[in-house]
Structure formats: structure tokens, C-alpha cells
């Protein structure tokens, strides 16, 4: 699978993106890395340009809910990207624990999965997607 990997708009952390890229590549995926601080418009442009099979968004700084919501809403607003699988992982808020209401709103907005920092769950999500893709 081709995966577009990105940090969220306000997240400047890069080491987590390096780690995730290596993790995804070791699983056999082709990874297009956008880097940190990617806003919703830049993300949509990159999705159109690279035509990924899935988008993985990462948040470390605690603003994943806000930034992820903006990103997924932007992607879902565009017909060509409205079915693109989007998974958000990392720290969603500054409260220090997962807020079920935030997860529900992200899923309602169009995230296919909100995984926190569970790499086994990310591996499983991508494995299911890889097996259900229809070859062109």
C-alpha cells in the first residue's frame, strides 16, 4: 500500500514521524512523508498529487483532536478524497487521557480509525485495508 504519513497542523515533532515511517516501511508499505506541521489544505493537495491508499496522521503535542478534525473534514469535503482511509494516532488532547467524546466526533467527521499510540492496532488496520483493496 502507498501511505501518506503526516504530522498534524500544529505538531512540529519529527522523530515520531521518522519512527512511524520506518515502522510502516518495515511492514512493506510505500511511504510518502509530508513531515510536521501540515495543514488541512496542504494535506488535501498532497493526497491529490500522490494518490495514496491511506493517510496516517500523527499527533504528539496534544492537539490531535482539533487538527485531526480539520484535516478529515477537509478531505471529506472533496469528492475525490471522501473515501480515502484516514487514521489518526497519538495524543488527541492536553488532558492527558483519551476523551471518548473526541474520538466519537473524529469518527463521525470521517476518520476511519482513531488509535492513540497503539502500533499493533495500526498494523491491524492497514492489514485489513491491504487485503480488501481491489487491484486496478
Protein backbone atom coordinates (compact mmCIF):
# COMPACT_ATOMS: atom_id res chain seq x y z
CA UNK A 1 0.00 0.00 0.00
CA UNK A 2 1.05 3.58 -0.56
CA UNK A 3 0.63 5.50 2.70
CA UNK A 4 0.77 9.25 3.07
CA UNK A 5 2.26 9.95 6.52
CA UNK A 6 1.91 13.38 8.07
CA UNK A 7 2.07 15.33 11.26
CA UNK A 8 -0.91 17.48 12.13
CA UNK A 9 -1.03 21.24 11.54
CA UNK A 10 0.30 22.36 14.93
CA UNK A 11 2.59 19.40 15.62
CA UNK A 12 6.27 20.09 14.99
CA UNK A 13 7.58 16.74 16.24
CA UNK A 14 9.65 14.88 13.67
CA UNK A 15 11.12 11.89 15.50
CA UNK A 16 7.74 10.22 15.81
CA UNK A 17 7.30 10.60 12.04
CA UNK A 18 10.72 9.04 11.42
CA UNK A 19 9.79 6.15 13.70
CA UNK A 20 6.39 5.68 12.04
CA UNK A 21 7.93 5.81 8.58
CA UNK A 22 10.42 3.08 9.47
CA UNK A 23 7.66 1.02 11.08
CA UNK A 24 5.44 1.31 8.01
CA UNK A 25 8.27 0.59 5.58
CA UNK A 26 9.28 -2.50 7.57
CA UNK A 27 5.69 -3.70 7.13
CA UNK A 28 6.23 -3.41 3.37
CA UNK A 29 4.34 -0.19 2.68
CA UNK A 30 5.48 2.59 0.38
CA UNK A 31 5.52 5.77 2.47
CA UNK A 32 5.21 9.36 1.28
CA UNK A 33 6.22 11.54 4.21
CA UNK A 34 4.95 15.11 4.39
CA UNK A 35 6.70 15.98 7.64
CA UNK A 36 5.44 18.04 10.58
CA UNK A 37 3.04 20.99 10.70
CA UNK A 38 0.93 20.01 7.68
CA UNK A 39 -2.32 21.95 7.49
CA UNK A 40 -5.53 20.57 6.01
CA UNK A 41 -5.13 22.26 2.62
CA UNK A 42 -1.56 21.02 2.13
CA UNK A 43 -2.72 17.53 3.13
CA UNK A 44 -5.52 17.58 0.56
CA UNK A 45 -3.12 18.82 -2.15
CA UNK A 46 -0.68 16.02 -1.32
CA UNK A 47 -3.45 13.42 -1.44
CA UNK A 48 -4.47 14.55 -4.89
CA UNK A 49 -0.85 14.60 -6.08
CA UNK A 50 0.29 11.26 -4.59
CA UNK A 51 -2.96 9.23 -4.70
CA UNK A 52 -2.25 7.24 -1.53
CA UNK A 53 -4.17 4.16 -0.45
CA UNK A 54 -4.40 5.53 3.11
CA UNK A 55 -3.45 8.55 5.22
CA UNK A 56 -1.79 8.20 8.62
CA UNK A 57 -1.83 11.36 10.76
CA UNK A 58 0.28 11.64 13.89
CA UNK A 59 -0.02 14.00 16.84
CA UNK A 60 2.35 14.24 19.77
CA UNK A 61 1.69 17.72 21.17
CA UNK A 62 -1.87 17.16 22.35
CA UNK A 63 -3.81 18.96 19.66
CA UNK A 64 -4.61 15.91 17.55
CA UNK A 65 -8.34 16.28 18.08
CA UNK A 66 -8.52 19.85 16.79
CA UNK A 67 -6.03 19.39 13.96
CA UNK A 68 -7.31 15.94 13.01
CA UNK A 69 -10.88 17.19 12.84
CA UNK A 70 -9.90 19.99 10.46
CA UNK A 71 -7.87 17.59 8.30
CA UNK A 72 -10.51 14.89 7.96
CA UNK A 73 -13.27 17.42 7.33
CA UNK A 74 -11.18 18.94 4.54
CA UNK A 75 -10.56 15.56 2.93
CA UNK A 76 -14.20 14.51 3.22
CA UNK A 77 -15.33 17.77 1.61
CA UNK A 78 -13.65 16.81 -1.64
CA UNK A 79 -15.40 14.10 -3.69
CA UNK A 80 -12.14 12.63 -4.99
CA UNK A 81 -10.88 12.14 -1.41
CA UNK A 82 -14.06 11.40 0.52
CA UNK A 83 -13.48 7.63 0.63
CA UNK A 84 -9.72 7.74 1.30
CA UNK A 85 -8.98 5.83 4.52
CA UNK A 86 -7.71 8.17 7.25
CA UNK A 87 -6.30 7.02 10.58
CA UNK A 88 -5.26 9.36 13.38
CA UNK A 89 -2.89 8.34 16.13
CA UNK A 90 -1.09 9.90 19.02
CA UNK A 91 -2.12 12.38 21.67
CA UNK A 92 -5.55 13.86 20.99
CA UNK A 93 -5.75 16.41 23.78
CA UNK A 94 -3.86 18.06 26.59
CA UNK A 95 -5.99 16.41 29.30
CA UNK A 96 -3.53 13.54 29.46
CA UNK A 97 -6.08 10.80 28.77
CA UNK A 98 -8.22 9.73 25.86
CA UNK A 99 -11.54 11.57 25.62
CA UNK A 100 -14.25 9.26 24.27
CA UNK A 101 -16.31 12.24 23.04
CA UNK A 102 -13.37 13.49 20.96
CA UNK A 103 -12.88 10.05 19.42
CA UNK A 104 -16.59 9.83 18.58
CA UNK A 105 -16.54 13.25 16.90
CA UNK A 106 -13.46 12.33 14.86
CA UNK A 107 -15.12 9.12 13.70
CA UNK A 108 -18.35 10.97 12.90
CA UNK A 109 -16.37 13.51 10.86
CA UNK A 110 -14.87 10.74 8.74
CA UNK A 111 -11.80 9.26 10.42
CA UNK A 112 -11.74 5.55 9.74
CA UNK A 113 -9.83 4.89 12.97
CA UNK A 114 -8.51 6.81 15.97
CA UNK A 115 -5.81 4.67 17.53
CA UNK A 116 -3.87 6.58 20.15
CA UNK A 117 -0.34 5.20 20.23
CA UNK A 118 -1.18 1.52 19.60
CA UNK A 119 1.09 0.32 16.78
CA UNK A 120 -0.46 -3.15 16.84
CA UNK A 121 -3.83 -1.54 16.09
CA UNK A 122 -2.27 0.47 13.23
CA UNK A 123 -0.71 -2.70 11.83
CA UNK A 124 -4.09 -4.45 12.01
CA UNK A 125 -5.96 -1.55 10.42
CA UNK A 126 -3.56 -1.45 7.48
CA UNK A 127 -3.52 -5.23 7.09
CA UNK A 128 -7.30 -5.28 6.72
CA UNK A 129 -7.13 -2.44 4.18
CA UNK A 130 -4.40 -4.18 2.19
CA UNK A 131 -6.46 -7.35 1.92
CA UNK A 132 -9.66 -5.57 0.88
CA UNK A 133 -8.20 -3.39 -1.88
CA UNK A 134 -9.35 -4.19 -5.38
CA UNK A 135 -6.49 -4.22 -7.89
CA UNK A 136 -6.74 -1.65 -10.67
